[in-house]
Amino acid sequence: MIRARFYTAAEDCRPVEWPIPYPYWQSGFSEDATIIVAFVDNEEQLLEFWPEAYDIESEEVDRVEFTERFPKPDWYEVAT
């Protein structure tokens, strides 16, 4: 799994397919884009959900971690 930070020029930053397996957050804005942080299996999966993503930065992680800035979304259920 990776934690990815990327930009999208789309005004609607939701993924193009639903449901998705892991959470994502609208993290901020640049002059002409929305900044998204998302957990996905790999960059190929990221591009399935956000085909317009660019400037992708990612790091491998072992699990989804929530923080005060990136809290657990109400819709997200951890698979057991």
C-alpha atoms as a PDB file:
ATOM      1  CA  MET A   1       0.000   0.000   0.000  1.00  0.00           C
ATOM      2  CA  ILE A   2       1.100   3.575  -0.592  1.00  0.00           C
ATOM      3  CA  ARG A   3       0.160   6.943   0.843  1.00  0.00           C
ATOM      4  CA  ALA A   4       0.031   9.308  -2.101  1.00  0.00           C
ATOM      5  CA  ARG A   5      -0.132  13.083  -2.333  1.00  0.00           C
ATOM      6  CA  PHE A   6      -1.078  14.450  -5.729  1.00  0.00           C
ATOM      7  CA  TYR A   7      -2.753  17.244  -7.635  1.00  0.00           C
ATOM      8  CA  THR A   8      -5.873  17.190  -9.752  1.00  0.00           C
ATOM      9  CA  ALA A   9      -7.185  19.973 -11.960  1.00  0.00           C
ATOM     10  CA  ALA A  10     -10.737  18.663 -11.662  1.00  0.00           C
ATOM     11  CA  GLU A  11     -13.112  20.859  -9.674  1.00  0.00           C
ATOM     12  CA  ASP A  12     -14.763  17.745  -8.253  1.00  0.00           C
ATOM     13  CA  CYS A  13     -11.939  15.878  -6.521  1.00  0.00           C
ATOM     14  CA  ARG A  14     -13.928  12.743  -5.665  1.00  0.00           C
ATOM     15  CA  PRO A  15     -12.694   9.486  -7.224  1.00  0.00           C
ATOM     16  CA  VAL A  16     -14.342   8.494 -10.518  1.00  0.00           C
ATOM     17  CA  GLU A  17     -15.250   5.036  -9.136  1.00  0.00           C
ATOM     18  CA  TRP A  18     -16.950   4.190  -5.864  1.00  0.00           C
ATOM     19  CA  PRO A  19     -16.543   2.575  -3.445  1.00  0.00           C
ATOM     20  CA  ILE A  20     -12.805   2.800  -2.982  1.00  0.00           C
ATOM     21  CA  PRO A  21     -10.902   0.527  -0.589  1.00  0.00           C
ATOM     22  CA  TYR A  22      -9.072   3.172   1.443  1.00  0.00           C
ATOM     23  CA  PRO A  23      -9.663   6.750   2.602  1.00  0.00           C
ATOM     24  CA  TYR A  24      -8.706   9.977   0.864  1.00  0.00           C
ATOM     25  CA  TRP A  25      -8.800  13.643   1.814  1.00  0.00           C
ATOM     26  CA  GLN A  26      -8.894  16.965   0.039  1.00  0.00           C
ATOM     27  CA  SER A  27      -5.757  18.416   1.586  1.00  0.00           C
ATOM     28  CA  GLY A  28      -5.599  21.866   0.069  1.00  0.00           C
ATOM     29  CA  PHE A  29      -5.512  23.990  -3.048  1.00  0.00           C
ATOM     30  CA  SER A  30      -2.901  25.465  -5.298  1.00  0.00           C
ATOM     31  CA  GLU A  31      -3.519  28.263  -7.762  1.00  0.00           C
ATOM     32  CA  ASP A  32      -5.093  25.907 -10.313  1.00  0.00           C
ATOM     33  CA  ALA A  33      -5.507  22.511  -8.634  1.00  0.00           C
ATOM     34  CA  THR A  34      -6.821  20.557  -5.683  1.00  0.00           C
ATOM     35  CA  ILE A  35      -4.337  18.654  -3.528  1.00  0.00           C
ATOM     36  CA  ILE A  36      -5.401  15.142  -2.509  1.00  0.00           C
ATOM     37  CA  VAL A  37      -3.920  12.674  -0.027  1.00  0.00           C
ATOM     38  CA  ALA A  38      -5.043   9.069  -0.525  1.00  0.00           C
ATOM     39  CA  PHE A  39      -4.156   5.552   0.459  1.00  0.00           C
ATOM     40  CA  VAL A  40      -4.124   3.138  -2.500  1.00  0.00           C
ATOM     41  CA  ASP A  41      -2.508  -0.181  -3.338  1.00  0.00           C
ATOM     42  CA  ASN A  42      -0.222   1.351  -5.990  1.00  0.00           C
ATOM     43  CA  GLU A  43       0.040   4.226  -8.469  1.00  0.00           C
ATOM     44  CA  GLU A  44      -1.862   2.264 -11.125  1.00  0.00           C
ATOM     45  CA  GLN A  45      -4.840   2.011  -8.768  1.00  0.00           C
ATOM     46  CA  LEU A  46      -4.540   5.724  -7.972  1.00  0.00           C
ATOM     47  CA  LEU A  47      -4.869   6.514 -11.680  1.00  0.00           C
ATOM     48  CA  GLU A  48      -7.954   4.283 -11.937  1.00  0.00           C
ATOM     49  CA  PHE A  49      -9.684   6.398  -9.277  1.00  0.00           C
ATOM     50  CA  TRP A  50      -8.186   9.791 -10.262  1.00  0.00           C
ATOM     51  CA  PRO A  51      -7.175   9.566 -13.968  1.00  0.00           C
ATOM     52  CA  GLU A  52      -6.314  13.275 -14.040  1.00  0.00           C
ATOM     53  CA  ALA A  53      -3.812  13.017 -11.138  1.00  0.00           C
ATOM     54  CA  TYR A  54      -0.385  14.565 -11.646  1.00  0.00           C
ATOM     55  CA  ASP A  55       2.721  15.421  -9.604  1.00  0.00           C
ATOM     56  CA  ILE A  56       2.234  12.230  -7.624  1.00  0.00           C
ATOM     57  CA  GLU A  57       4.429  11.766  -4.561  1.00  0.00           C
ATOM     58  CA  SER A  58       4.084   8.452  -2.744  1.00  0.00           C
ATOM     59  CA  GLU A  59       5.607   6.380   0.006  1.00  0.00           C
ATOM     60  CA  GLU A  60       5.099   2.742   0.926  1.00  0.00           C
ATOM     61  CA  VAL A  61       3.232   2.208   4.182  1.00  0.00           C
ATOM     62  CA  ASP A  62       2.083  -0.843   6.138  1.00  0.00           C
ATOM     63  CA  ARG A  63      -1.330   0.465   7.119  1.00  0.00           C
ATOM     64  CA  VAL A  64      -3.713   3.390   7.001  1.00  0.00           C
ATOM     65  CA  GLU A  65      -2.949   5.871   9.755  1.00  0.00           C
ATOM     66  CA  PHE A  66      -5.293   8.602  10.899  1.00  0.00           C
ATOM     67  CA  THR A  67      -4.211  11.907  12.387  1.00  0.00           C
ATOM     68  CA  GLU A  68      -5.890  15.042  13.606  1.00  0.00           C
ATOM     69  CA  ARG A  69      -5.436  16.536  10.141  1.00  0.00           C
ATOM     70  CA  PHE A  70      -6.498  13.327   8.357  1.00  0.00           C
ATOM     71  CA  PRO A  71      -9.202  11.788  10.562  1.00  0.00           C
ATOM     72  CA  LYS A  72     -11.050   8.558   9.813  1.00  0.00           C
ATOM     73  CA  PRO A  73     -13.875   9.337   7.347  1.00  0.00           C
ATOM     74  CA  ASP A  74     -17.363   8.314   8.471  1.00  0.00           C
ATOM     75  CA  TRP A  75     -17.793   6.087   5.393  1.00  0.00           C
ATOM     76  CA  TYR A  76     -14.551   4.139   5.892  1.00  0.00           C
ATOM     77  CA  GLU A  77     -14.805   0.651   7.398  1.00  0.00           C
ATOM     78  CA  VAL A  78     -11.615  -1.274   8.059  1.00  0.00           C
ATOM     79  CA  ALA A  79     -11.749  -4.796   6.631  1.00  0.00           C
ATOM     80  CA  THR A  80     -11.162  -7.412   9.309  1.00  0.00           C
END
